[in-house]
N, C-alpha and C. Protein backbone atom coordinates (compact mmCIF):
# COMPACT_ATOMS: atom_id res chain seq x y z
N LEU A 1 0.84 -1.18 0.00
CA LEU A 1 0.00 0.00 0.00
C LEU A 1 0.88 1.24 0.00
N GLN A 2 0.46 2.25 -0.73
CA GLN A 2 1.20 3.50 -0.80
C GLN A 2 0.50 4.57 0.02
N GLU A 3 1.28 5.59 0.40
CA GLU A 3 0.73 6.73 1.12
C GLU A 3 0.84 7.96 0.25
N LEU A 4 -0.09 8.88 0.46
CA LEU A 4 -0.16 10.11 -0.31
C LEU A 4 -0.31 11.26 0.69
N CYS A 5 0.52 12.29 0.55
CA CYS A 5 0.43 13.45 1.44
C CYS A 5 -0.75 14.32 1.00
N VAL A 6 -1.66 14.59 1.94
CA VAL A 6 -2.85 15.40 1.65
C VAL A 6 -3.02 16.45 2.75
N THR A 7 -3.81 17.47 2.45
CA THR A 7 -4.20 18.45 3.45
C THR A 7 -5.70 18.34 3.64
N LEU A 8 -6.12 18.20 4.88
CA LEU A 8 -7.53 18.02 5.20
C LEU A 8 -8.13 19.33 5.67
N ASN A 9 -9.18 19.75 5.01
CA ASN A 9 -9.94 20.94 5.37
C ASN A 9 -9.06 22.19 5.53
N ARG A 10 -8.00 22.26 4.76
CA ARG A 10 -7.06 23.40 4.74
C ARG A 10 -6.29 23.60 6.04
N VAL A 11 -6.41 22.69 7.01
CA VAL A 11 -5.78 22.94 8.31
C VAL A 11 -4.85 21.84 8.80
N HIS A 12 -4.92 20.65 8.23
CA HIS A 12 -4.12 19.55 8.78
C HIS A 12 -3.51 18.70 7.66
N SER A 13 -2.19 18.59 7.67
CA SER A 13 -1.50 17.73 6.70
C SER A 13 -1.43 16.32 7.25
N GLU A 14 -1.64 15.36 6.37
CA GLU A 14 -1.71 13.97 6.81
C GLU A 14 -1.27 13.05 5.67
N LEU A 15 -0.75 11.89 6.02
CA LEU A 15 -0.48 10.86 5.03
C LEU A 15 -1.71 9.96 4.93
N GLY A 16 -2.27 9.88 3.73
CA GLY A 16 -3.42 9.03 3.49
C GLY A 16 -2.97 7.72 2.88
N LEU A 17 -3.46 6.64 3.40
CA LEU A 17 -3.13 5.31 2.90
C LEU A 17 -4.04 4.98 1.73
N LEU A 18 -3.46 4.70 0.57
CA LEU A 18 -4.24 4.33 -0.62
C LEU A 18 -4.57 2.85 -0.54
N ASP A 19 -5.84 2.55 -0.39
CA ASP A 19 -6.28 1.16 -0.23
C ASP A 19 -7.30 0.83 -1.30
N GLU A 20 -6.87 0.09 -2.30
CA GLU A 20 -7.75 -0.27 -3.41
C GLU A 20 -8.83 -1.26 -3.00
N GLY A 21 -8.67 -1.91 -1.85
CA GLY A 21 -9.66 -2.87 -1.39
C GLY A 21 -10.77 -2.25 -0.57
N SER A 22 -10.60 -1.00 -0.17
CA SER A 22 -11.61 -0.34 0.64
C SER A 22 -12.64 0.36 -0.23
N GLU A 23 -13.88 0.33 0.21
CA GLU A 23 -14.96 0.96 -0.54
C GLU A 23 -15.37 2.31 0.03
N ILE A 24 -14.67 2.78 1.07
CA ILE A 24 -15.00 4.06 1.70
C ILE A 24 -13.72 4.80 2.12
N VAL A 25 -13.90 6.05 2.51
CA VAL A 25 -12.83 6.83 3.13
C VAL A 25 -13.04 6.75 4.63
N ILE A 26 -11.97 6.44 5.36
CA ILE A 26 -12.06 6.28 6.81
C ILE A 26 -11.03 7.20 7.46
N ILE A 27 -11.45 7.91 8.49
CA ILE A 27 -10.56 8.80 9.23
C ILE A 27 -10.61 8.43 10.71
N ARG A 28 -9.44 8.32 11.31
CA ARG A 28 -9.39 8.02 12.74
C ARG A 28 -9.85 9.24 13.53
N GLU A 29 -10.51 9.01 14.66
CA GLU A 29 -11.12 10.10 15.41
C GLU A 29 -10.13 11.19 15.79
N ASP A 30 -8.93 10.85 16.24
CA ASP A 30 -7.97 11.87 16.64
C ASP A 30 -7.55 12.76 15.47
N ILE A 31 -7.52 12.20 14.28
CA ILE A 31 -7.17 13.00 13.08
C ILE A 31 -8.37 13.86 12.69
N TRP A 32 -9.58 13.29 12.76
CA TRP A 32 -10.79 14.08 12.46
C TRP A 32 -10.86 15.32 13.33
N ARG A 33 -10.55 15.20 14.61
CA ARG A 33 -10.62 16.34 15.52
C ARG A 33 -9.69 17.47 15.09
N LYS A 34 -8.58 17.14 14.45
CA LYS A 34 -7.63 18.16 13.99
C LYS A 34 -8.14 18.94 12.78
N THR A 35 -9.18 18.44 12.13
CA THR A 35 -9.68 19.08 10.91
C THR A 35 -10.70 20.18 11.18
N ASN A 36 -11.19 20.27 12.41
CA ASN A 36 -12.21 21.28 12.77
C ASN A 36 -13.46 21.18 11.89
N THR A 37 -13.86 19.98 11.55
CA THR A 37 -15.06 19.77 10.73
C THR A 37 -16.13 19.10 11.57
N PRO A 38 -17.40 19.43 11.31
CA PRO A 38 -18.47 18.78 12.06
C PRO A 38 -18.67 17.34 11.58
N GLN A 39 -19.23 16.55 12.45
CA GLN A 39 -19.60 15.19 12.05
C GLN A 39 -21.10 15.03 12.10
N ASN A 40 -21.62 14.22 11.22
CA ASN A 40 -23.03 13.88 11.22
C ASN A 40 -23.17 12.57 11.99
N GLN A 41 -23.70 12.65 13.20
CA GLN A 41 -23.85 11.46 14.03
C GLN A 41 -25.08 10.65 13.65
N GLN A 42 -25.89 11.18 12.73
CA GLN A 42 -27.07 10.45 12.27
C GLN A 42 -26.70 9.37 11.25
N ILE A 43 -25.51 9.49 10.67
CA ILE A 43 -25.06 8.51 9.67
C ILE A 43 -24.20 7.47 10.38
N HIS A 44 -24.65 6.24 10.38
CA HIS A 44 -23.91 5.15 11.02
C HIS A 44 -23.64 4.06 10.00
N MET A 45 -22.52 3.41 10.19
CA MET A 45 -22.16 2.31 9.31
C MET A 45 -21.37 1.29 10.11
N ARG A 46 -21.50 0.06 9.74
CA ARG A 46 -20.71 -1.01 10.33
C ARG A 46 -19.77 -1.51 9.24
N MET A 47 -18.48 -1.46 9.54
CA MET A 47 -17.47 -1.82 8.54
C MET A 47 -17.06 -3.29 8.70
N GLN A 48 -17.02 -3.98 7.59
CA GLN A 48 -16.48 -5.33 7.56
C GLN A 48 -15.01 -5.21 7.22
N ALA A 49 -14.14 -5.59 8.14
CA ALA A 49 -12.69 -5.45 7.96
C ALA A 49 -12.14 -6.59 7.11
N ALA A 50 -10.96 -6.38 6.57
CA ALA A 50 -10.32 -7.38 5.73
C ALA A 50 -10.02 -8.67 6.51
N ASN A 51 -9.82 -8.54 7.81
CA ASN A 51 -9.51 -9.72 8.63
C ASN A 51 -10.76 -10.49 9.06
N GLY A 52 -11.94 -10.06 8.58
CA GLY A 52 -13.18 -10.75 8.89
C GLY A 52 -13.94 -10.15 10.06
N GLY A 53 -13.32 -9.27 10.82
CA GLY A 53 -13.99 -8.63 11.95
C GLY A 53 -14.90 -7.51 11.47
N ALA A 54 -15.64 -6.94 12.42
CA ALA A 54 -16.54 -5.83 12.11
C ALA A 54 -16.29 -4.71 13.11
N GLN A 55 -16.50 -3.48 12.66
CA GLN A 55 -16.28 -2.31 13.51
C GLN A 55 -17.34 -1.27 13.21
N ASP A 56 -17.92 -0.70 14.27
CA ASP A 56 -18.90 0.37 14.10
C ASP A 56 -18.18 1.69 13.85
N MET A 57 -18.72 2.48 12.94
CA MET A 57 -18.19 3.81 12.66
C MET A 57 -18.86 4.80 13.60
N GLY A 58 -18.12 5.85 13.99
CA GLY A 58 -18.61 6.82 14.94
C GLY A 58 -19.23 8.05 14.31
N GLY A 59 -19.77 7.94 13.14
CA GLY A 59 -20.36 9.09 12.45
C GLY A 59 -19.65 9.32 11.13
N CYS A 60 -20.03 10.42 10.49
CA CYS A 60 -19.50 10.71 9.15
C CYS A 60 -19.17 12.19 9.03
N VAL A 61 -18.02 12.48 8.47
CA VAL A 61 -17.67 13.86 8.09
C VAL A 61 -18.12 14.00 6.64
N GLU A 62 -19.15 14.79 6.43
CA GLU A 62 -19.66 14.93 5.07
C GLU A 62 -18.84 15.95 4.30
N MET A 63 -18.46 15.59 3.10
CA MET A 63 -17.73 16.47 2.19
C MET A 63 -16.43 17.02 2.82
N LEU A 64 -15.64 16.13 3.39
CA LEU A 64 -14.33 16.50 3.91
C LEU A 64 -13.45 16.93 2.74
N GLU A 65 -12.86 18.11 2.85
CA GLU A 65 -11.96 18.57 1.79
C GLU A 65 -10.63 17.83 1.91
N ILE A 66 -10.23 17.20 0.81
CA ILE A 66 -8.96 16.48 0.74
C ILE A 66 -8.17 17.10 -0.40
N ASP A 67 -7.13 17.85 -0.06
CA ASP A 67 -6.33 18.57 -1.04
C ASP A 67 -5.05 17.78 -1.31
N VAL A 68 -4.81 17.50 -2.59
CA VAL A 68 -3.60 16.79 -3.00
C VAL A 68 -2.78 17.75 -3.86
N LYS A 69 -1.77 18.38 -3.26
CA LYS A 69 -0.88 19.30 -3.97
C LYS A 69 -1.65 20.34 -4.79
N GLY A 70 -2.67 20.95 -4.18
CA GLY A 70 -3.44 22.00 -4.84
C GLY A 70 -4.67 21.52 -5.58
N ILE A 71 -4.84 20.21 -5.71
CA ILE A 71 -6.03 19.66 -6.36
C ILE A 71 -7.03 19.34 -5.25
N LYS A 72 -8.12 20.09 -5.20
CA LYS A 72 -9.11 19.92 -4.14
C LYS A 72 -10.14 18.86 -4.53
N THR A 73 -10.38 17.96 -3.59
CA THR A 73 -11.39 16.93 -3.76
C THR A 73 -12.21 16.89 -2.47
N TRP A 74 -13.35 16.22 -2.52
CA TRP A 74 -14.20 16.10 -1.35
C TRP A 74 -14.72 14.67 -1.26
N ALA A 75 -14.91 14.22 -0.03
CA ALA A 75 -15.43 12.87 0.18
C ALA A 75 -16.10 12.79 1.54
N HIS A 76 -17.06 11.90 1.66
CA HIS A 76 -17.60 11.57 2.97
C HIS A 76 -16.58 10.65 3.64
N ALA A 77 -16.19 10.99 4.86
CA ALA A 77 -15.20 10.18 5.58
C ALA A 77 -15.85 9.65 6.85
N TYR A 78 -15.78 8.35 7.04
CA TYR A 78 -16.37 7.71 8.20
C TYR A 78 -15.35 7.65 9.33
N ILE A 79 -15.79 7.97 10.53
CA ILE A 79 -14.91 8.10 11.69
C ILE A 79 -14.83 6.78 12.45
N VAL A 80 -13.59 6.37 12.76
CA VAL A 80 -13.37 5.20 13.61
C VAL A 80 -12.57 5.64 14.83
N LEU A 81 -12.85 5.00 15.97
CA LEU A 81 -12.14 5.37 17.20
C LEU A 81 -10.69 4.92 17.18
N ASP A 82 -10.45 3.74 16.66
CA ASP A 82 -9.11 3.18 16.69
C ASP A 82 -8.86 2.39 15.41
N ALA A 83 -7.71 2.60 14.82
CA ALA A 83 -7.35 1.88 13.59
C ALA A 83 -5.83 1.91 13.45
N PRO A 84 -5.26 0.97 12.72
CA PRO A 84 -3.81 0.98 12.52
C PRO A 84 -3.36 2.04 11.50
N TYR A 85 -4.29 2.73 10.89
CA TYR A 85 -4.00 3.80 9.94
C TYR A 85 -4.68 5.07 10.45
N ARG A 86 -4.25 6.21 9.94
CA ARG A 86 -4.81 7.50 10.36
C ARG A 86 -5.90 7.97 9.40
N LEU A 87 -5.65 7.76 8.11
CA LEU A 87 -6.59 8.14 7.05
C LEU A 87 -6.49 7.10 5.95
N LEU A 88 -7.61 6.52 5.59
CA LEU A 88 -7.63 5.50 4.55
C LEU A 88 -8.43 6.03 3.37
N LEU A 89 -7.81 6.08 2.23
CA LEU A 89 -8.44 6.61 1.01
C LEU A 89 -8.81 5.43 0.11
N GLY A 90 -10.09 5.09 0.10
CA GLY A 90 -10.57 3.91 -0.60
C GLY A 90 -10.73 4.11 -2.10
N ARG A 91 -11.09 3.03 -2.76
CA ARG A 91 -11.20 2.98 -4.21
C ARG A 91 -12.16 4.00 -4.81
N PRO A 92 -13.35 4.25 -4.24
CA PRO A 92 -14.22 5.26 -4.85
C PRO A 92 -13.58 6.65 -4.92
N TRP A 93 -12.86 7.05 -3.87
CA TRP A 93 -12.16 8.34 -3.90
C TRP A 93 -11.08 8.32 -4.97
N GLN A 94 -10.35 7.23 -5.06
CA GLN A 94 -9.30 7.11 -6.07
C GLN A 94 -9.88 7.20 -7.48
N ASN A 95 -11.04 6.58 -7.70
CA ASN A 95 -11.71 6.66 -9.00
C ASN A 95 -12.19 8.08 -9.29
N LEU A 96 -12.72 8.74 -8.27
CA LEU A 96 -13.22 10.11 -8.42
C LEU A 96 -12.13 11.05 -8.94
N ILE A 97 -10.92 10.89 -8.43
CA ILE A 97 -9.84 11.79 -8.82
C ILE A 97 -9.01 11.23 -9.98
N HIS A 98 -9.44 10.12 -10.54
CA HIS A 98 -8.77 9.48 -11.67
C HIS A 98 -7.31 9.13 -11.33
N LEU A 99 -7.11 8.59 -10.14
CA LEU A 99 -5.78 8.21 -9.70
C LEU A 99 -5.30 7.00 -10.47
N SER A 100 -4.07 7.06 -10.93
CA SER A 100 -3.46 5.90 -11.57
C SER A 100 -2.05 5.71 -11.02
N LYS A 101 -1.60 4.48 -11.05
CA LYS A 101 -0.26 4.15 -10.54
C LYS A 101 0.51 3.40 -11.61
N SER A 102 1.79 3.69 -11.65
CA SER A 102 2.69 2.92 -12.51
C SER A 102 3.99 2.74 -11.74
N GLU A 103 4.77 1.78 -12.14
CA GLU A 103 6.02 1.54 -11.42
C GLU A 103 7.09 1.03 -12.35
N ASP A 104 8.33 1.28 -11.91
CA ASP A 104 9.47 0.68 -12.56
C ASP A 104 10.22 -0.10 -11.49
N THR A 105 11.43 -0.47 -11.74
CA THR A 105 12.15 -1.31 -10.78
C THR A 105 12.50 -0.58 -9.48
N GLU A 106 12.48 0.75 -9.48
CA GLU A 106 12.88 1.51 -8.29
C GLU A 106 11.81 2.40 -7.68
N HIS A 107 10.76 2.73 -8.44
CA HIS A 107 9.79 3.72 -7.97
C HIS A 107 8.36 3.31 -8.30
N ILE A 108 7.44 3.88 -7.53
CA ILE A 108 6.02 3.81 -7.85
C ILE A 108 5.57 5.24 -8.08
N TYR A 109 4.90 5.48 -9.21
CA TYR A 109 4.45 6.81 -9.58
C TYR A 109 2.93 6.89 -9.44
N VAL A 110 2.46 7.92 -8.77
CA VAL A 110 1.03 8.15 -8.61
C VAL A 110 0.66 9.38 -9.41
N THR A 111 -0.34 9.27 -10.27
CA THR A 111 -0.78 10.39 -11.11
C THR A 111 -2.26 10.66 -10.84
N ILE A 112 -2.56 11.94 -10.75
CA ILE A 112 -3.95 12.37 -10.57
C ILE A 112 -4.34 13.18 -11.78
């Protein structure tokens, strides 16, 4: 998995984990708090993890601004209390921004 440096809501820089197997954007609660964005507690979701477990989401940040080197994008980000990652950028977000990857023997290139 690769990481991408992004700025969230113009106030917090973060490394986002590019996960092609995820169907949503997930933000850990401590990182969400740094963005100064409201959460919609009426939106709930239960996530099925890759390891077969399940985890309840703690609400949703609607239209979180995710800036990639001056390219502004927005996504609904679901909040989790604890995760081994800080920000997970799933496949729908990657498709939205037309993200593509290529590699050679020494590097992986990410294009938006």
